[in-house]
PDB file of N, CA and C in Angstrom:
ATOM      1  N   MET A   1     -15.623-138.953  17.993  1.00  0.00           N
ATOM      2  CA  MET A   1     -14.267-139.209  17.535  1.00  0.00           C
ATOM      3  C   MET A   1     -13.306-138.839  18.651  1.00  0.00           C
ATOM      4  N   PRO A   2     -12.593-139.788  19.204  1.00  0.00           N
ATOM      5  CA  PRO A   2     -11.624-139.428  20.233  1.00  0.00           C
ATOM      6  C   PRO A   2     -10.431-138.694  19.625  1.00  0.00           C
ATOM      7  N   SER A   3      -9.873-137.805  20.400  1.00  0.00           N
ATOM      8  CA  SER A   3      -8.673-137.065  20.008  1.00  0.00           C
ATOM      9  C   SER A   3      -8.813-136.338  18.672  1.00  0.00           C
ATOM     10  N   PRO A   4      -9.734-135.377  18.583  1.00  0.00           N
ATOM     11  CA  PRO A   4      -9.904-134.627  17.334  1.00  0.00           C
ATOM     12  C   PRO A   4      -8.844-133.542  17.181  1.00  0.00           C
ATOM     13  N   PHE A   5      -8.688-133.055  15.950  1.00  0.00           N
ATOM     14  CA  PHE A   5      -7.885-131.858  15.748  1.00  0.00           C
ATOM     15  C   PHE A   5      -8.606-130.707  16.434  1.00  0.00           C
ATOM     16  N   VAL A   6      -7.866-129.898  17.211  1.00  0.00           N
ATOM     17  CA  VAL A   6      -8.491-128.828  17.983  1.00  0.00           C
ATOM     18  C   VAL A   6      -7.935-127.442  17.663  1.00  0.00           C
ATOM     19  N   HIS A   7      -6.789-127.381  16.974  1.00  0.00           N
ATOM     20  CA  HIS A   7      -6.144-126.094  16.722  1.00  0.00           C
ATOM     21  C   HIS A   7      -5.168-126.302  15.572  1.00  0.00           C
ATOM     22  N   LEU A   8      -5.040-125.314  14.714  1.00  0.00           N
ATOM     23  CA  LEU A   8      -4.080-125.353  13.619  1.00  0.00           C
ATOM     24  C   LEU A   8      -3.204-124.121  13.731  1.00  0.00           C
ATOM     25  N   GLU A   9      -1.910-124.273  13.478  1.00  0.00           N
ATOM     26  CA  GLU A   9      -0.993-123.169  13.704  1.00  0.00           C
ATOM     27  C   GLU A   9      -0.022-123.042  12.535  1.00  0.00           C
ATOM     28  N   LEU A  10       0.133-121.824  12.057  1.00  0.00           N
ATOM     29  CA  LEU A  10       1.038-121.552  10.948  1.00  0.00           C
ATOM     30  C   LEU A  10       2.224-120.730  11.419  1.00  0.00           C
ATOM     31  N   ASN A  11       3.421-121.253  11.180  1.00  0.00           N
ATOM     32  CA  ASN A  11       4.636-120.462  11.349  1.00  0.00           C
ATOM     33  C   ASN A  11       5.018-119.972   9.954  1.00  0.00           C
ATOM     34  N   THR A  12       5.153-118.674   9.815  1.00  0.00           N
ATOM     35  CA  THR A  12       5.422-118.073   8.510  1.00  0.00           C
ATOM     36  C   THR A  12       6.461-116.966   8.642  1.00  0.00           C
ATOM     37  N   PRO A  13       7.313-116.798   7.625  1.00  0.00           N
ATOM     38  CA  PRO A  13       8.288-115.701   7.699  1.00  0.00           C
ATOM     39  C   PRO A  13       7.650-114.337   7.451  1.00  0.00           C
ATOM     40  N   ASP A  14       6.406-114.303   6.917  1.00  0.00           N
ATOM     41  CA  ASP A  14       5.737-113.036   6.609  1.00  0.00           C
ATOM     42  C   ASP A  14       4.295-113.099   7.106  1.00  0.00           C
ATOM     43  N   LEU A  15       4.101-112.742   8.366  1.00  0.00           N
ATOM     44  CA  LEU A  15       2.790-112.826   8.995  1.00  0.00           C
ATOM     45  C   LEU A  15       1.763-111.956   8.267  1.00  0.00           C
ATOM     46  N   ALA A  16       2.118-110.741   7.908  1.00  0.00           N
ATOM     47  CA  ALA A  16       1.172-109.846   7.232  1.00  0.00           C
ATOM     48  C   ALA A  16       0.709-110.442   5.906  1.00  0.00           C
ATOM     49  N   LYS A  17       1.626-111.001   5.145  1.00  0.00           N
ATOM     50  CA  LYS A  17       1.283-111.595   3.853  1.00  0.00           C
ATOM     51  C   LYS A  17       0.377-112.810   4.034  1.00  0.00           C
ATOM     52  N   ALA A  18       0.678-113.640   5.033  1.00  0.00           N
ATOM     53  CA  ALA A  18      -0.155-114.825   5.302  1.00  0.00           C
ATOM     54  C   ALA A  18      -1.556-114.410   5.730  1.00  0.00           C
ATOM     55  N   LYS A  19      -1.656-113.413   6.615  1.00  0.00           N
ATOM     56  CA  LYS A  19      -2.969-112.954   7.063  1.00  0.00           C
ATOM     57  C   LYS A  19      -3.770-112.384   5.894  1.00  0.00           C
ATOM     58  N   ASP A  20      -3.129-111.642   5.035  1.00  0.00           N
ATOM     59  CA  ASP A  20      -3.805-111.080   3.871  1.00  0.00           C
ATOM     60  C   ASP A  20      -4.311-112.202   2.957  1.00  0.00           C
ATOM     61  N   PHE A  21      -3.481-113.192   2.679  1.00  0.00           N
ATOM     62  CA  PHE A  21      -3.849-114.307   1.815  1.00  0.00           C
ATOM     63  C   PHE A  21      -5.036-115.087   2.383  1.00  0.00           C
ATOM     64  N   TYR A  22      -4.912-115.569   3.619  1.00  0.00           N
ATOM     65  CA  TYR A  22      -5.969-116.392   4.208  1.00  0.00           C
ATOM     66  C   TYR A  22      -7.228-115.581   4.501  1.00  0.00           C
ATOM     67  N   GLY A  23      -7.053-114.323   4.858  1.00  0.00           N
ATOM     68  CA  GLY A  23      -8.205-113.465   5.080  1.00  0.00           C
ATOM     69  C   GLY A  23      -9.022-113.276   3.809  1.00  0.00           C
ATOM     70  N   GLN A  24      -8.332-113.024   2.690  1.00  0.00           N
ATOM     71  CA  GLN A  24      -9.036-112.849   1.420  1.00  0.00           C
ATOM     72  C   GLN A  24      -9.589-114.166   0.879  1.00  0.00           C
ATOM     73  N   LEU A  25      -8.829-115.250   1.040  1.00  0.00           N
ATOM     74  CA  LEU A  25      -9.247-116.535   0.502  1.00  0.00           C
ATOM     75  C   LEU A  25     -10.449-117.114   1.251  1.00  0.00           C
ATOM     76  N   PHE A  26     -10.408-117.060   2.587  1.00  0.00           N
ATOM     77  CA  PHE A  26     -11.434-117.717   3.394  1.00  0.00           C
ATOM     78  C   PHE A  26     -12.321-116.764   4.189  1.00  0.00           C
ATOM     79  N   GLY A  27     -12.027-115.470   4.155  1.00  0.00           N
ATOM     80  CA  GLY A  27     -12.815-114.512   4.926  1.00  0.00           C
ATOM     81  C   GLY A  27     -12.478-114.516   6.410  1.00  0.00           C
ATOM     82  N   TRP A  28     -11.324-115.083   6.770  1.00  0.00           N
ATOM     83  CA  TRP A  28     -10.930-115.128   8.181  1.00  0.00           C
ATOM     84  C   TRP A  28     -10.597-113.729   8.672  1.00  0.00           C
ATOM     85  N   THR A  29     -10.931-113.464   9.923  1.00  0.00           N
ATOM     86  CA  THR A  29     -10.488-112.255  10.607  1.00  0.00           C
ATOM     87  C   THR A  29      -9.534-112.697  11.712  1.00  0.00           C
ATOM     88  N   PHE A  30      -8.726-111.784  12.168  1.00  0.00           N
ATOM     89  CA  PHE A  30      -7.658-112.129  13.103  1.00  0.00           C
ATOM     90  C   PHE A  30      -7.707-111.252  14.344  1.00  0.00           C
ATOM     91  N   ASP A  31      -7.364-111.854  15.458  1.00  0.00           N
ATOM     92  CA  ASP A  31      -7.245-111.158  16.732  1.00  0.00           C
ATOM     93  C   ASP A  31      -5.766-111.226  17.114  1.00  0.00           C
ATOM     94  N   ASP A  32      -5.064-110.100  16.979  1.00  0.00           N
ATOM     95  CA  ASP A  32      -3.626-110.062  17.247  1.00  0.00           C
ATOM     96  C   ASP A  32      -3.347-109.943  18.736  1.00  0.00           C
ATOM     97  N   ASN A  33      -2.443-110.785  19.209  1.00  0.00           N
ATOM     98  CA  ASN A  33      -2.026-110.787  20.608  1.00  0.00           C
ATOM     99  C   ASN A  33      -0.536-110.514  20.675  1.00  0.00           C
ATOM    100  N   ASN A  34      -0.152-109.468  21.396  1.00  0.00           N
ATOM    101  CA  ASN A  34       1.253-109.141  21.548  1.00  0.00           C
ATOM    102  C   ASN A  34       1.869-110.087  22.569  1.00  0.00           C
ATOM    103  N   MET A  35       2.830-110.879  22.120  1.00  0.00           N
ATOM    104  CA  MET A  35       3.492-111.861  22.980  1.00  0.00           C
ATOM    105  C   MET A  35       4.876-111.373  23.425  1.00  0.00           C
ATOM    106  N   GLY A  36       5.059-110.053  23.437  1.00  0.00           N
ATOM    107  CA  GLY A  36       6.330-109.482  23.883  1.00  0.00           C
ATOM    108  C   GLY A  36       7.448-109.830  22.908  1.00  0.00           C
ATOM    109  N   GLU A  37       8.539-110.337  23.438  1.00  0.00           N
ATOM    110  CA  GLU A  37       9.696-110.666  22.603  1.00  0.00           C
ATOM    111  C   GLU A  37       9.383-111.733  21.562  1.00  0.00           C
ATOM    112  N   ALA A  38       8.366-112.550  21.811  1.00  0.00           N
ATOM    113  CA  ALA A  38       7.986-113.600  20.858  1.00  0.00           C
ATOM    114  C   ALA A  38       7.208-113.039  19.667  1.00  0.00           C
ATOM    115  N   GLY A  39       6.833-111.751  19.705  1.00  0.00           N
ATOM    116  CA  GLY A  39       6.144-111.132  18.579  1.00  0.00           C
ATOM    117  C   GLY A  39       4.633-111.208  18.685  1.00  0.00           C
ATOM    118  N   ILE A  40       3.987-111.176  17.553  1.00  0.00           N
ATOM    119  CA  ILE A  40       2.528-111.167  17.471  1.00  0.00           C
ATOM    120  C   ILE A  40       2.031-112.585  17.187  1.00  0.00           C
ATOM    121  N   TYR A  41       0.996-112.989  17.913  1.00  0.00           N
ATOM    122  CA  TYR A  41       0.302-114.255  17.654  1.00  0.00           C
ATOM    123  C   TYR A  41      -1.100-113.882  17.216  1.00  0.00           C
ATOM    124  N   SER A  42      -1.444-114.202  15.969  1.00  0.00           N
ATOM    125  CA  SER A  42      -2.732-113.835  15.391  1.00  0.00           C
ATOM    126  C   SER A  42      -3.681-115.023  15.417  1.00  0.00           C
ATOM    127  N   LEU A  43      -4.721-114.936  16.238  1.00  0.00           N
ATOM    128  CA  LEU A  43      -5.724-115.990  16.330  1.00  0.00           C
ATOM    129  C   LEU A  43      -6.783-115.811  15.253  1.00  0.00           C
ATOM    130  N   PHE A  44      -7.299-116.930  14.732  1.00  0.00           N
ATOM    131  CA  PHE A  44      -8.423-116.892  13.811  1.00  0.00           C
ATOM    132  C   PHE A  44      -9.413-117.983  14.195  1.00  0.00           C
ATOM    133  N   LYS A  45     -10.688-117.774  13.865  1.00  0.00           N
ATOM    134  CA  LYS A  45     -11.726-118.767  14.141  1.00  0.00           C
ATOM    135  C   LYS A  45     -12.698-118.763  12.973  1.00  0.00           C
ATOM    136  N   PRO A  46     -12.638-119.788  12.121  1.00  0.00           N
ATOM    137  CA  PRO A  46     -13.613-119.866  11.029  1.00  0.00           C
ATOM    138  C   PRO A  46     -15.009-120.169  11.576  1.00  0.00           C
ATOM    139  N   ASP A  47     -16.008-120.112  10.701  1.00  0.00           N
ATOM    140  CA  ASP A  47     -17.391-120.363  11.108  1.00  0.00           C
ATOM    141  C   ASP A  47     -17.596-121.784  11.625  1.00  0.00           C
ATOM    142  N   SER A  48     -16.808-122.737  11.125  1.00  0.00           N
ATOM    143  CA  SER A  48     -16.909-124.112  11.603  1.00  0.00           C
ATOM    144  C   SER A  48     -15.517-124.734  11.623  1.00  0.00           C
ATOM    145  N   GLY A  49     -15.381-125.788  12.404  1.00  0.00           N
ATOM    146  CA  GLY A  49     -14.088-126.463  12.519  1.00  0.00           C
ATOM    147  C   GLY A  49     -13.170-125.767  13.489  1.00  0.00           C
ATOM    148  N   PRO A  50     -11.979-126.353  13.664  1.00  0.00           N
ATOM    149  CA  PRO A  50     -11.050-125.758  14.627  1.00  0.00           C
ATOM    150  C   PRO A  50     -10.485-124.443  14.128  1.00  0.00           C
ATOM    151  N   GLY A  51     -10.207-123.581  15.063  1.00  0.00           N
ATOM    152  CA  GLY A  51      -9.531-122.335  14.754  1.00  0.00           C
ATOM    153  C   GLY A  51      -8.032-122.539  14.870  1.00  0.00           C
ATOM    154  N   GLY A  52      -7.317-121.438  14.954  1.00  0.00           N
ATOM    155  CA  GLY A  52      -5.877-121.567  15.055  1.00  0.00           C
ATOM    156  C   GLY A  52      -5.199-120.239  15.241  1.00  0.00           C
ATOM    157  N   GLY A  53      -3.928-120.250  14.931  1.00  0.00           N
ATOM    158  CA  GLY A  53      -3.122-119.058  15.078  1.00  0.00           C
ATOM    159  C   GLY A  53      -1.994-119.019  14.064  1.00  0.00           C
ATOM    160  N   MET A  54      -1.441-117.832  13.888  1.00  0.00           N
ATOM    161  CA  MET A  54      -0.306-117.617  12.993  1.00  0.00           C
ATOM    162  C   MET A  54       0.722-116.783  13.721  1.00  0.00           C
ATOM    163  N   PHE A  55       1.993-117.044  13.430  1.00  0.00           N
ATOM    164  CA  PHE A  55       3.078-116.302  14.049  1.00  0.00           C
ATOM    165  C   PHE A  55       4.319-116.413  13.176  1.00  0.00           C
ATOM    166  N   SER A  56       5.340-115.641  13.506  1.00  0.00           N
ATOM    167  CA  SER A  56       6.624-115.715  12.813  1.00  0.00           C
ATOM    168  C   SER A  56       7.701-116.114  13.801  1.00  0.00           C
ATOM    169  N   MET A  57       8.344-117.239  13.527  1.00  0.00           N
ATOM    170  CA  MET A  57       9.496-117.692  14.299  1.00  0.00           C
ATOM    171  C   MET A  57      10.573-118.037  13.270  1.00  0.00           C
ATOM    172  N   PRO A  58      11.478-117.111  12.999  1.00  0.00           N
ATOM    173  CA  PRO A  58      12.427-117.274  11.896  1.00  0.00           C
ATOM    174  C   PRO A  58      13.211-118.584  11.906  1.00  0.00           C
ATOM    175  N   GLU A  59      13.517-119.101  13.080  1.00  0.00           N
ATOM    176  CA  GLU A  59      14.307-120.329  13.125  1.00  0.00           C
ATOM    177  C   GLU A  59      13.484-121.587  12.875  1.00  0.00           C
ATOM    178  N   GLY A  60      12.168-121.460  12.829  1.00  0.00           N
ATOM    179  CA  GLY A  60      11.305-122.614  12.599  1.00  0.00           C
ATOM    180  C   GLY A  60      10.963-122.764  11.128  1.00  0.00           C
ATOM    181  N   PRO A  61      10.453-123.937  10.755  1.00  0.00           N
ATOM    182  CA  PRO A  61      10.062-124.146   9.351  1.00  0.00           C
ATOM    183  C   PRO A  61       8.774-123.399   9.026  1.00  0.00           C
ATOM    184  N   THR A  62       8.615-123.015   7.768  1.00  0.00           N
ATOM    185  CA  THR A  62       7.352-122.454   7.311  1.00  0.00           C
ATOM    186  C   THR A  62       6.422-123.628   7.087  1.00  0.00           C
ATOM    187  N   ALA A  63       5.447-123.783   7.980  1.00  0.00           N
ATOM    188  CA  ALA A  63       4.577-124.956   7.911  1.00  0.00           C
ATOM    189  C   ALA A  63       3.392-124.799   8.842  1.00  0.00           C
ATOM    190  N   TRP A  64       2.338-125.558   8.539  1.00  0.00           N
ATOM    191  CA  TRP A  64       1.196-125.695   9.422  1.00  0.00           C
ATOM    192  C   TRP A  64       1.469-126.825  10.401  1.00  0.00           C
ATOM    193  N   THR A  65       1.069-126.655  11.665  1.00  0.00           N
ATOM    194  CA  THR A  65       1.159-127.712  12.669  1.00  0.00           C
ATOM    195  C   THR A  65      -0.245-127.967  13.213  1.00  0.00           C
ATOM    196  N   PRO A  66      -0.717-129.208  13.095  1.00  0.00           N
ATOM    197  CA  PRO A  66      -2.021-129.538  13.681  1.00  0.00           C
ATOM    198  C   PRO A  66      -1.867-129.901  15.160  1.00  0.00           C
ATOM    199  N   TYR A  67      -2.841-129.507  15.968  1.00  0.00           N
ATOM    200  CA  TYR A  67      -2.885-129.847  17.389  1.00  0.00           C
ATOM    201  C   TYR A  67      -4.031-130.834  17.593  1.00  0.00           C
ATOM    202  N   VAL A  68      -3.754-131.932  18.281  1.00  0.00           N
ATOM    203  CA  VAL A  68      -4.754-132.959  18.565  1.00  0.00           C
ATOM    204  C   VAL A  68      -5.065-132.913  20.057  1.00  0.00           C
ATOM    205  N   GLY A  69      -6.342-132.859  20.405  1.00  0.00           N
ATOM    206  CA  GLY A  69      -6.756-132.794  21.800  1.00  0.00           C
ATOM    207  C   GLY A  69      -6.576-134.128  22.511  1.00  0.00           C
ATOM    208  N   VAL A  70      -6.036-134.070  23.730  1.00  0.00           N
ATOM    209  CA  VAL A  70      -5.856-135.264  24.560  1.00  0.00           C
ATOM    210  C   VAL A  70      -6.336-134.961  25.976  1.00  0.00           C
ATOM    211  N   ASP A  71      -6.690-136.017  26.710  1.00  0.00           N
ATOM    212  CA  ASP A  71      -7.146-135.855  28.093  1.00  0.00           C
ATOM    213  C   ASP A  71      -5.995-135.789  29.085  1.00  0.00           C
ATOM    214  N   ASP A  72      -4.887-136.481  28.777  1.00  0.00           N
ATOM    215  CA  ASP A  72      -3.741-136.558  29.682  1.00  0.00           C
ATOM    216  C   ASP A  72      -2.479-136.331  28.856  1.00  0.00           C
ATOM    217  N   LEU A  73      -1.990-135.095  28.879  1.00  0.00           N
ATOM    218  CA  LEU A  73      -0.868-134.707  28.026  1.00  0.00           C
ATOM    219  C   LEU A  73       0.391-135.509  28.308  1.00  0.00           C
ATOM    220  N   LYS A  74       0.738-135.679  29.569  1.00  0.00           N
ATOM    221  CA  LYS A  74       1.960-136.419  29.902  1.00  0.00           C
ATOM    222  C   LYS A  74       1.867-137.864  29.411  1.00  0.00           C
ATOM    223  N   ALA A  75       0.736-138.516  29.666  1.00  0.00           N
ATOM    224  CA  ALA A  75       0.563-139.909  29.241  1.00  0.00           C
ATOM    225  C   ALA A  75       0.615-140.015  27.714  1.00  0.00           C
ATOM    226  N   ALA A  76      -0.034-139.087  27.008  1.00  0.00           N
ATOM    227  CA  ALA A  76      -0.034-139.127  25.543  1.00  0.00           C
ATOM    228  C   ALA A  76       1.362-138.860  24.981  1.00  0.00           C
ATOM    229  N   THR A  77       2.092-137.936  25.595  1.00  0.00           N
ATOM    230  CA  THR A  77       3.457-137.642  25.153  1.00  0.00           C
ATOM    231  C   THR A  77       4.358-138.855  25.376  1.00  0.00           C
ATOM    232  N   ASP A  78       4.238-139.472  26.549  1.00  0.00           N
ATOM    233  CA  ASP A  78       5.026-140.678  26.844  1.00  0.00           C
ATOM    234  C   ASP A  78       4.706-141.793  25.856  1.00  0.00           C
ATOM    235  N   LYS A  79       3.425-141.994  25.566  1.00  0.00           N
ATOM    236  CA  LYS A  79       3.022-143.056  24.637  1.00  0.00           C
ATOM    237  C   LYS A  79       3.562-142.771  23.239  1.00  0.00           C
ATOM    238  N   ALA A  80       3.484-141.511  22.804  1.00  0.00           N
ATOM    239  CA  ALA A  80       4.015-141.151  21.487  1.00  0.00           C
ATOM    240  C   ALA A  80       5.502-141.480  21.396  1.00  0.00           C
ATOM    241  N   ALA A  81       6.249-141.152  22.449  1.00  0.00           N
ATOM    242  CA  ALA A  81       7.686-141.458  22.469  1.00  0.00           C
ATOM    243  C   ALA A  81       7.918-142.966  22.400  1.00  0.00           C
ATOM    244  N   GLU A  82       7.136-143.730  23.158  1.00  0.00           N
ATOM    245  CA  GLU A  82       7.256-145.192  23.125  1.00  0.00           C
ATOM    246  C   GLU A  82       6.970-145.751  21.738  1.00  0.00           C
ATOM    247  N   LEU A  83       6.091-145.070  20.994  1.00  0.00           N
ATOM    248  CA  LEU A  83       5.728-145.519  19.653  1.00  0.00           C
ATOM    249  C   LEU A  83       6.676-145.007  18.568  1.00  0.00           C
ATOM    250  N   GLY A  84       7.742-144.307  18.983  1.00  0.00           N
ATOM    251  CA  GLY A  84       8.766-143.886  18.029  1.00  0.00           C
ATOM    252  C   GLY A  84       8.783-142.424  17.661  1.00  0.00           C
ATOM    253  N   ALA A  85       7.938-141.608  18.294  1.00  0.00           N
ATOM    254  CA  ALA A  85       7.954-140.170  18.012  1.00  0.00           C
ATOM    255  C   ALA A  85       9.172-139.529  18.667  1.00  0.00           C
ATOM    256  N   LYS A  86       9.661-138.471  18.051  1.00  0.00           N
ATOM    257  CA  LYS A  86      10.717-137.653  18.651  1.00  0.00           C
ATOM    258  C   LYS A  86      10.023-136.475  19.339  1.00  0.00           C
ATOM    259  N   VAL A  87      10.181-136.374  20.652  1.00  0.00           N
ATOM    260  CA  VAL A  87       9.550-135.295  21.407  1.00  0.00           C
ATOM    261  C   VAL A  87      10.437-134.052  21.295  1.00  0.00           C
ATOM    262  N   LEU A  88       9.892-133.009  20.683  1.00  0.00           N
ATOM    263  CA  LEU A  88      10.637-131.763  20.487  1.00  0.00           C
ATOM    264  C   LEU A  88      10.434-130.793  21.646  1.00  0.00           C
ATOM    265  N   VAL A  89       9.193-130.721  22.149  1.00  0.00           N
ATOM    266  CA  VAL A  89       8.845-129.884  23.301  1.00  0.00           C
ATOM    267  C   VAL A  89       7.918-130.721  24.166  1.00  0.00           C
ATOM    268  N   ARG A  90       8.270-130.859  25.438  1.00  0.00           N
ATOM    269  CA  ARG A  90       7.492-131.697  26.341  1.00  0.00           C
ATOM    270  C   ARG A  90       6.691-130.845  27.314  1.00  0.00           C
ATOM    271  N   GLU A  91       5.368-131.035  27.325  1.00  0.00           N
ATOM    272  CA  GLU A  91       4.440-130.435  28.284  1.00  0.00           C
ATOM    273  C   GLU A  91       4.749-128.974  28.603  1.00  0.00           C
ATOM    274  N   GLN A  92       4.578-128.125  27.611  1.00  0.00           N
ATOM    275  CA  GLN A  92       4.818-126.686  27.754  1.00  0.00           C
ATOM    276  C   GLN A  92       3.501-125.985  28.043  1.00  0.00           C
ATOM    277  N   GLU A  93       3.444-125.202  29.109  1.00  0.00           N
ATOM    278  CA  GLU A  93       2.217-124.502  29.478  1.00  0.00           C
ATOM    279  C   GLU A  93       2.016-123.237  28.647  1.00  0.00           C
ATOM    280  N   VAL A  94       0.784-122.999  28.256  1.00  0.00           N
ATOM    281  CA  VAL A  94       0.349-121.729  27.677  1.00  0.00           C
ATOM    282  C   VAL A  94      -0.521-121.102  28.768  1.00  0.00           C
ATOM    283  N   PRO A  95       0.025-120.145  29.525  1.00  0.00           N
ATOM    284  CA  PRO A  95      -0.677-119.628  30.704  1.00  0.00           C
ATOM    285  C   PRO A  95      -2.126-119.232  30.419  1.00  0.00           C
ATOM    286  N   GLY A  96      -3.008-119.762  31.253  1.00  0.00           N
ATOM    287  CA  GLY A  96      -4.419-119.454  31.165  1.00  0.00           C
ATOM    288  C   GLY A  96      -5.203-120.265  30.148  1.00  0.00           C
ATOM    289  N   HIS A  97      -4.519-121.109  29.362  1.00  0.00           N
ATOM    290  CA  HIS A  97      -5.210-121.827  28.289  1.00  0.00           C
ATOM    291  C   HIS A  97      -5.053-123.340  28.355  1.00  0.00           C
ATOM    292  N   GLY A  98      -3.861-123.820  28.617  1.00  0.00           N
ATOM    293  CA  GLY A  98      -3.605-125.255  28.639  1.00  0.00           C
ATOM    294  C   GLY A  98      -2.130-125.542  28.435  1.00  0.00           C
ATOM    295  N   SER A  99      -1.843-126.753  27.971  1.00  0.00           N
ATOM    296  CA  SER A  99      -0.456-127.170  27.761  1.00  0.00           C
ATOM    297  C   SER A  99      -0.364-127.996  26.487  1.00  0.00           C
ATOM    298  N   PHE A 100       0.840-127.998  25.892  1.00  0.00           N
ATOM    299  CA  PHE A 100       1.055-128.753  24.672  1.00  0.00           C
ATOM    300  C   PHE A 100       2.400-129.453  24.700  1.00  0.00           C
ATOM    301  N   SER A 101       2.511-130.474  23.885  1.00  0.00           N
ATOM    302  CA  SER A 101       3.780-131.106  23.554  1.00  0.00           C
ATOM    303  C   SER A 101       3.890-131.076  22.038  1.00  0.00           C
ATOM    304  N   LEU A 102       5.102-130.952  21.539  1.00  0.00           N
ATOM    305  CA  LEU A 102       5.354-130.894  20.103  1.00  0.00           C
ATOM    306  C   LEU A 102       6.198-132.096  19.722  1.00  0.00           C
ATOM    307  N   LEU A 103       5.781-132.821  18.683  1.00  0.00           N
ATOM    308  CA  LEU A 103       6.432-134.075  18.293  1.00  0.00           C
ATOM    309  C   LEU A 103       6.723-134.121  16.805  1.00  0.00           C
ATOM    310  N   ASN A 104       7.682-134.940  16.442  1.00  0.00           N
ATOM    311  CA  ASN A 104       7.804-135.439  15.078  1.00  0.00           C
ATOM    312  C   ASN A 104       7.373-136.891  15.153  1.00  0.00           C
ATOM    313  N   ASP A 105       6.376-137.263  14.346  1.00  0.00           N
ATOM    314  CA  ASP A 105       5.951-138.657  14.354  1.00  0.00           C
ATOM    315  C   ASP A 105       7.066-139.526  13.744  1.00  0.00           C
ATOM    316  N   PRO A 106       6.937-140.852  13.781  1.00  0.00           N
ATOM    317  CA  PRO A 106       8.011-141.701  13.268  1.00  0.00           C
ATOM    318  C   PRO A 106       8.350-141.487  11.790  1.00  0.00           C
ATOM    319  N   THR A 107       7.457-140.825  11.034  1.00  0.00           N
ATOM    320  CA  THR A 107       7.749-140.541   9.630  1.00  0.00           C
ATOM    321  C   THR A 107       8.371-139.170   9.440  1.00  0.00           C
ATOM    322  N   GLY A 108       8.471-138.379  10.523  1.00  0.00           N
ATOM    323  CA  GLY A 108       9.059-137.042  10.452  1.00  0.00           C
ATOM    324  C   GLY A 108       8.058-135.907  10.419  1.00  0.00           C
ATOM    325  N   ALA A 109       6.759-136.210  10.343  1.00  0.00           N
ATOM    326  CA  ALA A 109       5.738-135.154  10.313  1.00  0.00           C
ATOM    327  C   ALA A 109       5.567-134.542  11.697  1.00  0.00           C
ATOM    328  N   MET A 110       5.373-133.226  11.731  1.00  0.00           N
ATOM    329  CA  MET A 110       5.179-132.543  12.999  1.00  0.00           C
ATOM    330  C   MET A 110       3.714-132.595  13.409  1.00  0.00           C
ATOM    331  N   VAL A 111       3.479-132.823  14.692  1.00  0.00           N
ATOM    332  CA  VAL A 111       2.141-132.810  15.269  1.00  0.00           C
ATOM    333  C   VAL A 111       2.275-132.348  16.716  1.00  0.00           C
ATOM    334  N   ALA A 112       1.258-131.661  17.202  1.00  0.00           N
ATOM    335  CA  ALA A 112       1.256-131.210  18.588  1.00  0.00           C
ATOM    336  C   ALA A 112       0.089-131.875  19.320  1.00  0.00           C
ATOM    337  N   LEU A 113       0.289-132.115  20.602  1.00  0.00           N
ATOM    338  CA  LEU A 113      -0.752-132.633  21.493  1.00  0.00           C
ATOM    339  C   LEU A 113      -1.193-131.479  22.386  1.00  0.00           C
ATOM    340  N   TRP A 114      -2.489-131.368  22.640  1.00  0.00           N
ATOM    341  CA  TRP A 114      -3.025-130.239  23.413  1.00  0.00           C
ATOM    342  C   TRP A 114      -3.961-130.735  24.499  1.00  0.00           C
ATOM    343  N   GLN A 115      -3.724-130.260  25.722  1.00  0.00           N
ATOM    344  CA  GLN A 115      -4.636-130.507  26.841  1.00  0.00           C
ATOM    345  C   GLN A 115      -5.081-129.161  27.363  1.00  0.00           C
ATOM    346  N   PRO A 116      -6.397-128.850  27.245  1.00  0.00           N
ATOM    347  CA  PRO A 116      -6.876-127.559  27.740  1.00  0.00           C
ATOM    348  C   PRO A 116      -6.717-127.459  29.260  1.00  0.00           C
ATOM    349  N   LYS A 117      -6.631-126.233  29.728  1.00  0.00           N
ATOM    350  CA  LYS A 117      -6.549-125.979  31.167  1.00  0.00           C
ATOM    351  C   LYS A 117      -7.803-126.528  31.843  1.00  0.00           C
ATOM    352  N   GLN A 118      -7.604-127.194  32.957  1.00  0.00           N
ATOM    353  CA  GLN A 118      -8.727-127.747  33.711  1.00  0.00           C
ATOM    354  C   GLN A 118      -9.363-126.633  34.547  1.00  0.00           C
ATOM    355  N   ALA A 119     -10.675-126.557  34.527  1.00  0.00           N
ATOM    356  CA  ALA A 119     -11.398-125.496  35.266  1.00  0.00           C
ATOM    357  C   ALA A 119     -11.360-125.720  36.750  1.00  0.00           C
TER     358      ALA A 119
END
């Protein structure tokens, strides 16, 4: 399957409550990463399927954002824009891991594109 979902991310106003809920519901454990002024980013990895992260960004919506893997982030972002997506964040690097773009598709749904760091 080309371009699979590779990461899921939850922005929540109450990170502790979300971690407690999902941890009890699915047995997920979390690896908390201090992101300085950006707060805590809690990674999780279920036994199968894509993993993800949770964080609190008060100005953002409370919602899950799916990340779809792509081979060429710039080309995929450009194509999405040509197809009517609104590009919210263009080719943002996550140091040591890869880069992402954040979009609203033509229907308004949020989706992110992810290109892992090249070795």
